[in-house]
């Protein structure tokens, strides 16, 4: 093997290792940076049954194939991508995100998630935010701790002969 061939092989191995390292790097929801202005946006669409129903319709039409019917990231196309769809039922993750962040992510998308700024109107995307919020399971209220009743005080024993 000539020195030139050795150099080429070394270069190809180096390039291949870089490509593999970059493709193996996780790109989950935690590293999806959202601008402060978007994070601070408030949902202008009123929260009501009709809004949630409209959001659900759009979720079924545009999101179920990746995020799944319940939003937990197991849609029929989820396995086709190197980045798994976000689990929208994750209470911790969703609790940390503002409505503005969710709206921004729906609007702008990020590979492999498409952007929906031309597919859905602003109102439809805000409705979708309302619906996505319903996917997070509500915490189960813990029953109040039972307090033990104080023991009844015993009357002093009467001494015989009194």
N, C-alpha and C. Protein backbone atom coordinates (compact mmCIF):
# COMPACT_ATOMS: atom_id res chain seq x y z
N UNK A 1 0.86 -1.17 0.00
CA UNK A 1 0.00 0.00 0.00
C UNK A 1 0.91 1.23 0.00
N UNK A 2 0.58 2.15 -0.87
CA UNK A 2 1.39 3.36 -0.98
C UNK A 2 1.00 4.35 0.12
N UNK A 3 1.87 5.28 0.43
CA UNK A 3 1.52 6.30 1.43
C UNK A 3 0.28 7.11 1.04
N UNK A 4 0.11 7.33 -0.24
CA UNK A 4 -1.06 8.07 -0.71
C UNK A 4 -2.34 7.29 -0.42
N UNK A 5 -2.33 5.98 -0.67
CA UNK A 5 -3.49 5.14 -0.40
C UNK A 5 -3.78 5.11 1.11
N UNK A 6 -2.74 5.03 1.91
CA UNK A 6 -2.92 5.03 3.37
C UNK A 6 -3.56 6.33 3.83
N UNK A 7 -3.15 7.43 3.25
CA UNK A 7 -3.72 8.74 3.60
C UNK A 7 -5.19 8.80 3.23
N UNK A 8 -5.51 8.28 2.07
CA UNK A 8 -6.91 8.28 1.64
C UNK A 8 -7.78 7.44 2.57
N UNK A 9 -7.29 6.26 2.92
CA UNK A 9 -8.05 5.38 3.81
C UNK A 9 -8.22 6.05 5.17
N UNK A 10 -7.16 6.65 5.68
CA UNK A 10 -7.24 7.34 6.98
C UNK A 10 -8.25 8.49 6.91
N UNK A 11 -8.22 9.25 5.82
CA UNK A 11 -9.15 10.36 5.65
C UNK A 11 -10.59 9.85 5.59
N UNK A 12 -10.82 8.78 4.84
CA UNK A 12 -12.17 8.21 4.73
C UNK A 12 -12.67 7.69 6.08
N UNK A 13 -11.80 7.02 6.83
CA UNK A 13 -12.20 6.53 8.15
C UNK A 13 -12.51 7.68 9.10
N UNK A 14 -11.71 8.73 9.04
CA UNK A 14 -11.95 9.91 9.88
C UNK A 14 -13.29 10.54 9.52
N UNK A 15 -13.54 10.72 8.23
CA UNK A 15 -14.80 11.32 7.77
C UNK A 15 -15.99 10.45 8.18
N UNK A 16 -15.86 9.15 8.01
CA UNK A 16 -16.93 8.23 8.38
C UNK A 16 -17.20 8.32 9.89
N UNK A 17 -16.16 8.39 10.69
CA UNK A 17 -16.37 8.48 12.15
C UNK A 17 -17.06 9.78 12.53
N UNK A 18 -16.74 10.88 11.85
CA UNK A 18 -17.42 12.14 12.12
C UNK A 18 -18.90 12.06 11.75
N UNK A 19 -19.20 11.50 10.61
CA UNK A 19 -20.58 11.37 10.16
C UNK A 19 -21.37 10.52 11.15
N UNK A 20 -20.78 9.41 11.59
CA UNK A 20 -21.47 8.55 12.55
C UNK A 20 -21.67 9.24 13.89
N UNK A 21 -20.67 9.99 14.32
CA UNK A 21 -20.80 10.71 15.60
C UNK A 21 -21.90 11.74 15.55
N UNK A 22 -21.98 12.49 14.46
CA UNK A 22 -23.02 13.51 14.32
C UNK A 22 -24.39 12.88 14.21
N UNK A 23 -24.52 11.81 13.45
CA UNK A 23 -25.84 11.19 13.28
C UNK A 23 -26.29 10.47 14.54
N UNK A 24 -25.37 10.09 15.41
CA UNK A 24 -25.74 9.40 16.65
C UNK A 24 -26.07 10.37 17.78
N UNK A 25 -25.79 11.64 17.58
CA UNK A 25 -26.08 12.63 18.61
C UNK A 25 -27.58 12.79 18.76
N UNK A 26 -28.09 12.63 19.99
CA UNK A 26 -29.55 12.76 20.15
C UNK A 26 -30.00 14.19 19.93
N UNK A 27 -31.11 14.33 19.28
CA UNK A 27 -31.70 15.66 19.05
C UNK A 27 -33.13 15.62 19.56
N UNK A 28 -33.28 15.49 20.85
CA UNK A 28 -34.60 15.40 21.45
C UNK A 28 -35.17 16.76 21.74
N UNK A 29 -36.33 16.79 22.38
CA UNK A 29 -37.03 18.04 22.65
C UNK A 29 -36.24 19.00 23.53
N UNK A 30 -35.31 18.50 24.34
CA UNK A 30 -34.59 19.36 25.27
C UNK A 30 -33.62 20.30 24.55
N UNK A 31 -33.15 19.92 23.38
CA UNK A 31 -32.19 20.79 22.70
C UNK A 31 -32.84 21.58 21.56
N UNK A 32 -34.12 21.74 21.60
CA UNK A 32 -34.85 22.51 20.60
C UNK A 32 -35.04 23.90 21.16
N UNK A 33 -34.15 24.80 20.81
CA UNK A 33 -34.17 26.15 21.35
C UNK A 33 -35.26 26.98 20.70
N UNK A 34 -36.01 27.66 21.54
CA UNK A 34 -37.12 28.50 21.09
C UNK A 34 -36.77 29.94 21.48
N UNK A 35 -36.90 30.89 20.56
CA UNK A 35 -36.61 32.30 20.89
C UNK A 35 -37.48 32.80 22.05
N UNK A 36 -36.92 33.68 22.85
CA UNK A 36 -37.65 34.23 24.01
C UNK A 36 -38.98 34.86 23.61
N UNK A 37 -38.98 35.58 22.50
CA UNK A 37 -40.23 36.24 22.06
C UNK A 37 -41.33 35.21 21.82
N UNK A 38 -40.97 34.08 21.22
CA UNK A 38 -41.96 33.02 20.96
C UNK A 38 -42.38 32.38 22.28
N UNK A 39 -41.44 32.15 23.16
CA UNK A 39 -41.73 31.51 24.45
C UNK A 39 -42.74 32.33 25.25
N UNK A 40 -42.68 33.65 25.11
CA UNK A 40 -43.54 34.55 25.90
C UNK A 40 -44.92 34.76 25.28
N UNK A 41 -45.16 34.25 24.08
CA UNK A 41 -46.47 34.46 23.43
C UNK A 41 -47.57 33.74 24.21
N UNK A 42 -48.68 34.42 24.37
CA UNK A 42 -49.85 33.83 25.04
C UNK A 42 -50.81 33.33 23.98
N UNK A 43 -51.53 32.28 24.30
CA UNK A 43 -52.50 31.71 23.37
C UNK A 43 -53.71 32.65 23.30
N UNK A 44 -53.96 33.24 22.11
CA UNK A 44 -55.07 34.18 21.98
C UNK A 44 -56.42 33.49 21.74
N UNK A 45 -56.40 32.20 21.51
CA UNK A 45 -57.63 31.46 21.21
C UNK A 45 -58.27 31.01 22.52
N UNK A 46 -59.55 31.32 22.71
CA UNK A 46 -60.21 30.93 23.95
C UNK A 46 -60.23 29.41 24.12
N UNK A 47 -60.05 28.98 25.36
CA UNK A 47 -60.08 27.56 25.68
C UNK A 47 -61.52 27.15 25.96
N UNK A 48 -62.04 26.29 25.08
CA UNK A 48 -63.40 25.76 25.28
C UNK A 48 -63.52 24.44 24.52
N UNK A 49 -64.64 23.81 24.65
CA UNK A 49 -64.84 22.51 24.01
C UNK A 49 -64.69 22.54 22.50
N UNK A 50 -65.20 23.59 21.86
CA UNK A 50 -65.11 23.69 20.40
C UNK A 50 -63.66 23.85 19.95
N UNK A 51 -62.90 24.63 20.69
CA UNK A 51 -61.49 24.84 20.37
C UNK A 51 -60.71 23.53 20.49
N UNK A 52 -60.95 22.82 21.58
CA UNK A 52 -60.26 21.55 21.79
C UNK A 52 -60.65 20.54 20.71
N UNK A 53 -61.93 20.50 20.34
CA UNK A 53 -62.39 19.58 19.29
C UNK A 53 -61.73 19.91 17.95
N UNK A 54 -61.61 21.19 17.63
CA UNK A 54 -60.94 21.60 16.39
C UNK A 54 -59.46 21.21 16.43
N UNK A 55 -58.84 21.41 17.58
CA UNK A 55 -57.44 21.02 17.73
C UNK A 55 -57.25 19.52 17.58
N UNK A 56 -58.19 18.75 18.12
CA UNK A 56 -58.12 17.29 18.00
C UNK A 56 -58.23 16.87 16.54
N UNK A 57 -59.13 17.49 15.80
CA UNK A 57 -59.27 17.17 14.37
C UNK A 57 -57.95 17.38 13.63
N UNK A 58 -57.28 18.50 13.91
CA UNK A 58 -56.00 18.78 13.26
C UNK A 58 -54.91 17.82 13.74
N UNK A 59 -54.96 17.44 15.01
CA UNK A 59 -53.99 16.47 15.54
C UNK A 59 -54.14 15.15 14.80
N UNK A 60 -55.39 14.71 14.64
CA UNK A 60 -55.64 13.45 13.93
C UNK A 60 -55.16 13.54 12.49
N UNK A 61 -55.41 14.66 11.85
CA UNK A 61 -55.04 14.82 10.44
C UNK A 61 -53.54 14.97 10.21
N UNK A 62 -52.84 15.61 11.14
CA UNK A 62 -51.45 15.98 10.87
C UNK A 62 -50.40 15.40 11.83
N UNK A 63 -50.81 14.91 12.99
CA UNK A 63 -49.82 14.56 14.01
C UNK A 63 -49.82 13.09 14.42
N UNK A 64 -50.95 12.42 14.29
CA UNK A 64 -51.08 11.04 14.77
C UNK A 64 -50.08 10.11 14.11
N UNK A 65 -49.78 10.31 12.85
CA UNK A 65 -48.90 9.37 12.15
C UNK A 65 -47.53 9.26 12.81
N UNK A 66 -47.09 10.30 13.49
CA UNK A 66 -45.81 10.24 14.20
C UNK A 66 -45.98 10.20 15.72
N UNK A 67 -46.84 11.08 16.25
CA UNK A 67 -46.99 11.18 17.70
C UNK A 67 -47.94 10.15 18.29
N UNK A 68 -48.71 9.46 17.45
CA UNK A 68 -49.63 8.43 17.94
C UNK A 68 -50.96 9.02 18.39
N UNK A 69 -51.95 8.18 18.49
CA UNK A 69 -53.31 8.63 18.85
C UNK A 69 -53.37 9.27 20.22
N UNK A 70 -52.57 8.77 21.15
CA UNK A 70 -52.60 9.33 22.49
C UNK A 70 -51.50 10.36 22.71
N UNK A 71 -50.64 10.57 21.70
CA UNK A 71 -49.59 11.58 21.80
C UNK A 71 -48.30 11.10 22.43
N UNK A 72 -48.17 9.79 22.66
CA UNK A 72 -46.97 9.32 23.35
C UNK A 72 -45.80 8.98 22.43
N UNK A 73 -45.86 9.40 21.18
CA UNK A 73 -44.72 9.24 20.27
C UNK A 73 -44.62 7.90 19.58
N UNK A 74 -45.70 7.13 19.56
CA UNK A 74 -45.64 5.79 18.97
C UNK A 74 -46.52 5.64 17.74
N UNK A 75 -46.61 6.69 16.95
CA UNK A 75 -47.42 6.62 15.74
C UNK A 75 -46.87 5.61 14.75
N UNK A 76 -47.67 5.22 13.74
CA UNK A 76 -47.25 4.20 12.79
C UNK A 76 -46.00 4.57 11.97
N UNK A 77 -45.67 5.86 11.87
CA UNK A 77 -44.48 6.26 11.12
C UNK A 77 -43.30 6.64 12.03
N UNK A 78 -43.48 6.55 13.34
CA UNK A 78 -42.45 6.99 14.29
C UNK A 78 -41.12 6.27 14.09
N UNK A 79 -41.17 4.99 13.81
CA UNK A 79 -39.93 4.22 13.65
C UNK A 79 -39.18 4.51 12.36
N UNK A 80 -39.76 5.29 11.47
CA UNK A 80 -39.10 5.62 10.20
C UNK A 80 -38.03 6.69 10.36
N UNK A 81 -37.94 7.29 11.53
CA UNK A 81 -37.05 8.43 11.72
C UNK A 81 -35.98 8.13 12.75
N UNK A 82 -34.81 8.76 12.60
CA UNK A 82 -33.74 8.57 13.57
C UNK A 82 -34.03 9.33 14.85
N UNK A 83 -34.88 10.35 14.76
CA UNK A 83 -35.29 11.11 15.95
C UNK A 83 -36.72 10.71 16.25
N UNK A 84 -36.91 10.17 17.43
CA UNK A 84 -38.26 9.74 17.81
C UNK A 84 -39.13 10.96 18.09
N UNK A 85 -40.41 10.89 17.72
CA UNK A 85 -41.32 12.00 18.02
C UNK A 85 -41.44 12.20 19.53
N UNK A 86 -41.66 13.43 19.92
CA UNK A 86 -41.79 13.75 21.34
C UNK A 86 -42.99 13.04 21.94
N UNK A 87 -42.86 12.67 23.20
CA UNK A 87 -43.96 12.10 23.97
C UNK A 87 -44.73 13.27 24.55
N UNK A 88 -45.83 13.61 23.94
CA UNK A 88 -46.63 14.76 24.36
C UNK A 88 -47.43 14.49 25.62
N UNK A 89 -47.33 13.27 26.15
CA UNK A 89 -47.99 12.94 27.41
C UNK A 89 -47.04 13.08 28.59
N UNK A 90 -45.79 13.44 28.33
CA UNK A 90 -44.79 13.59 29.39
C UNK A 90 -45.10 14.85 30.19
N UNK A 91 -45.65 14.66 31.38
CA UNK A 91 -46.10 15.79 32.20
C UNK A 91 -44.95 16.73 32.54
N UNK A 92 -43.78 16.20 32.81
CA UNK A 92 -42.65 17.06 33.18
C UNK A 92 -42.24 17.94 31.99
N UNK A 93 -42.03 17.31 30.83
CA UNK A 93 -41.61 18.06 29.64
C UNK A 93 -42.66 19.10 29.25
N UNK A 94 -43.92 18.67 29.20
CA UNK A 94 -44.98 19.57 28.77
C UNK A 94 -45.23 20.68 29.80
N UNK A 95 -45.01 20.37 31.07
CA UNK A 95 -45.19 21.37 32.11
C UNK A 95 -44.15 22.47 32.06
N UNK A 96 -42.99 22.16 31.48
CA UNK A 96 -41.93 23.16 31.35
C UNK A 96 -42.10 24.03 30.12
N UNK A 97 -42.93 23.60 29.17
CA UNK A 97 -43.11 24.36 27.93
C UNK A 97 -44.29 25.31 28.02
N UNK A 98 -44.08 26.53 27.55
CA UNK A 98 -45.18 27.49 27.48
C UNK A 98 -46.01 27.19 26.22
N UNK A 99 -47.20 27.76 26.18
CA UNK A 99 -48.01 27.63 24.96
C UNK A 99 -47.26 28.21 23.77
N UNK A 100 -46.55 29.31 23.99
CA UNK A 100 -45.79 29.93 22.91
C UNK A 100 -44.72 29.01 22.35
N UNK A 101 -44.05 28.24 23.22
CA UNK A 101 -43.04 27.28 22.75
C UNK A 101 -43.66 26.20 21.89
N UNK A 102 -44.79 25.67 22.34
CA UNK A 102 -45.46 24.62 21.57
C UNK A 102 -45.90 25.17 20.22
N UNK A 103 -46.49 26.36 20.24
CA UNK A 103 -46.94 27.00 19.00
C UNK A 103 -45.75 27.19 18.04
N UNK A 104 -44.63 27.65 18.55
CA UNK A 104 -43.43 27.88 17.74
C UNK A 104 -42.96 26.57 17.10
N UNK A 105 -42.92 25.50 17.89
CA UNK A 105 -42.45 24.22 17.37
C UNK A 105 -43.38 23.68 16.29
N UNK A 106 -44.67 23.85 16.48
CA UNK A 106 -45.64 23.44 15.46
C UNK A 106 -45.45 24.29 14.21
N UNK A 107 -45.25 25.57 14.41
CA UNK A 107 -45.13 26.51 13.29
C UNK A 107 -43.86 26.27 12.48
N UNK A 108 -42.73 26.19 13.16
CA UNK A 108 -41.43 26.12 12.48
C UNK A 108 -40.97 24.71 12.15
N UNK A 109 -41.38 23.73 12.95
CA UNK A 109 -40.93 22.37 12.73
C UNK A 109 -39.42 22.25 12.90
N UNK A 110 -38.95 21.03 12.79
CA UNK A 110 -37.51 20.73 12.83
C UNK A 110 -37.36 19.30 12.37
N UNK A 111 -36.45 19.06 11.48
CA UNK A 111 -36.29 17.72 10.90
C UNK A 111 -36.30 16.68 11.99
N UNK A 112 -37.08 15.65 11.86
CA UNK A 112 -37.92 15.29 10.72
C UNK A 112 -39.34 15.88 10.80
N UNK A 113 -39.65 16.64 11.85
CA UNK A 113 -41.00 17.21 11.95
C UNK A 113 -41.16 18.35 10.95
N UNK A 114 -42.22 18.31 10.16
CA UNK A 114 -42.44 19.40 9.19
C UNK A 114 -42.93 20.66 9.90
N UNK A 115 -42.80 21.78 9.21
CA UNK A 115 -43.40 23.01 9.74
C UNK A 115 -44.85 23.05 9.26
N UNK A 116 -45.68 23.72 10.06
CA UNK A 116 -47.11 23.81 9.72
C UNK A 116 -47.55 25.24 9.50
N UNK A 117 -46.60 26.15 9.28
CA UNK A 117 -46.98 27.56 9.13
C UNK A 117 -47.79 27.82 7.87
N UNK A 118 -47.63 27.01 6.84
CA UNK A 118 -48.43 27.19 5.63
C UNK A 118 -49.57 26.19 5.54
N UNK A 119 -49.48 25.12 6.30
CA UNK A 119 -50.50 24.08 6.27
C UNK A 119 -51.69 24.42 7.15
N UNK A 120 -51.41 25.02 8.32
CA UNK A 120 -52.45 25.36 9.28
C UNK A 120 -52.42 26.86 9.56
N UNK A 121 -53.57 27.44 9.76
CA UNK A 121 -53.64 28.87 10.10
C UNK A 121 -53.13 29.07 11.53
N UNK A 122 -52.86 30.33 11.90
CA UNK A 122 -52.46 30.63 13.27
C UNK A 122 -53.50 30.08 14.25
N UNK A 123 -54.77 30.34 13.96
CA UNK A 123 -55.83 29.89 14.86
C UNK A 123 -55.81 28.37 15.01
N UNK A 124 -55.63 27.64 13.92
CA UNK A 124 -55.60 26.18 13.98
C UNK A 124 -54.41 25.68 14.80
N UNK A 125 -53.27 26.35 14.68
CA UNK A 125 -52.10 25.95 15.46
C UNK A 125 -52.30 26.23 16.94
N UNK A 126 -52.95 27.35 17.27
CA UNK A 126 -53.24 27.63 18.68
C UNK A 126 -54.27 26.64 19.22
N UNK A 127 -55.24 26.24 18.40
CA UNK A 127 -56.20 25.22 18.82
C UNK A 127 -55.47 23.91 19.10
N UNK A 128 -54.51 23.61 18.26
CA UNK A 128 -53.71 22.41 18.43
C UNK A 128 -52.95 22.45 19.76
N UNK A 129 -52.45 23.62 20.13
CA UNK A 129 -51.78 23.78 21.43
C UNK A 129 -52.75 23.41 22.55
N UNK A 130 -53.97 23.93 22.48
CA UNK A 130 -54.96 23.61 23.51
C UNK A 130 -55.22 22.11 23.56
N UNK A 131 -55.37 21.48 22.41
CA UNK A 131 -55.63 20.04 22.40
C UNK A 131 -54.45 19.26 22.95
N UNK A 132 -53.24 19.61 22.54
CA UNK A 132 -52.04 18.90 23.01
C UNK A 132 -51.96 18.95 24.54
N UNK A 133 -52.36 20.06 25.12
CA UNK A 133 -52.35 20.18 26.59
C UNK A 133 -53.28 19.14 27.24
N UNK A 134 -54.32 18.70 26.52
CA UNK A 134 -55.24 17.72 27.10
C UNK A 134 -54.65 16.31 27.11
N UNK A 135 -53.56 16.09 26.40
CA UNK A 135 -52.96 14.76 26.31
C UNK A 135 -52.17 14.38 27.56
N UNK A 136 -51.77 15.38 28.31
CA UNK A 136 -51.01 15.13 29.53
C UNK A 136 -51.96 14.61 30.60
N UNK A 137 -51.66 13.43 31.15
CA UNK A 137 -52.55 12.91 32.20
C UNK A 137 -52.60 13.85 33.40
N UNK A 138 -53.80 14.00 33.93
CA UNK A 138 -53.98 14.84 35.10
C UNK A 138 -53.50 14.07 36.32
N UNK A 139 -52.82 14.74 37.25
CA UNK A 139 -52.36 14.03 38.45
C UNK A 139 -53.56 13.54 39.27
N UNK A 140 -53.40 12.38 39.81
CA UNK A 140 -54.45 11.81 40.64
C UNK A 140 -54.33 12.43 42.03
N UNK A 141 -55.43 12.96 42.51
CA UNK A 141 -55.42 13.57 43.83
C UNK A 141 -55.21 12.49 44.87
N UNK A 142 -54.27 12.74 45.76
CA UNK A 142 -54.02 11.77 46.83
C UNK A 142 -55.10 11.95 47.88
N UNK A 143 -55.61 10.83 48.41
CA UNK A 143 -56.61 10.97 49.46
C UNK A 143 -55.98 11.62 50.69
N UNK A 144 -56.78 12.38 51.38
CA UNK A 144 -56.28 13.04 52.58
C UNK A 144 -55.85 11.99 53.58
N UNK A 145 -54.76 12.27 54.24
CA UNK A 145 -54.26 11.32 55.23
C UNK A 145 -55.27 11.19 56.36
N UNK A 146 -55.51 9.97 56.75
CA UNK A 146 -56.45 9.74 57.84
C UNK A 146 -55.76 10.10 59.15
N UNK A 147 -56.43 10.89 59.90
CA UNK A 147 -55.87 11.24 61.21
C UNK A 147 -56.49 10.33 62.24
N UNK A 148 -55.65 9.81 63.08
CA UNK A 148 -56.14 8.91 64.12
C UNK A 148 -56.92 9.73 65.15
N UNK A 149 -58.01 9.17 65.56
CA UNK A 149 -58.80 9.84 66.60
C UNK A 149 -58.04 9.71 67.91
N UNK A 150 -57.99 10.79 68.64
CA UNK A 150 -57.29 10.68 69.92
C UNK A 150 -58.00 9.65 70.80
N UNK A 151 -57.19 8.93 71.54
CA UNK A 151 -57.76 7.91 72.43
C UNK A 151 -58.64 8.58 73.47
N UNK A 152 -59.75 7.95 73.74
CA UNK A 152 -60.67 8.51 74.75
C UNK A 152 -60.00 8.45 76.11
N UNK A 153 -60.13 9.53 76.83
CA UNK A 153 -59.53 9.55 78.16
C UNK A 153 -60.37 8.67 79.07
N UNK A 154 -59.66 7.84 79.82
CA UNK A 154 -60.34 6.95 80.75
C UNK A 154 -60.64 7.73 82.02
N UNK A 155 -61.81 7.52 82.51
CA UNK A 155 -62.17 8.14 83.81
C UNK A 155 -61.36 7.46 84.90
N UNK A 156 -60.91 8.22 85.85
CA UNK A 156 -60.13 7.59 86.91
C UNK A 156 -60.97 6.52 87.60
N UNK A 157 -60.32 5.45 87.89
CA UNK A 157 -61.01 4.35 88.55
C UNK A 157 -61.46 4.77 89.94
N UNK A 158 -62.66 4.37 90.29
CA UNK A 158 -63.17 4.69 91.63
C UNK A 158 -62.57 3.70 92.60
N UNK A 159 -62.16 4.23 93.69
CA UNK A 159 -61.60 3.31 94.68
C UNK A 159 -62.72 2.68 95.47
N UNK A 160 -62.57 1.42 95.80
CA UNK A 160 -63.64 0.77 96.53
C UNK A 160 -63.83 1.41 97.92
N UNK A 161 -64.98 1.51 98.34
CA UNK A 161 -65.32 2.03 99.63
C UNK A 161 -65.55 3.51 99.64
N UNK A 162 -65.52 4.11 98.60
CA UNK A 162 -65.81 5.54 98.60
C UNK A 162 -67.17 5.78 98.08
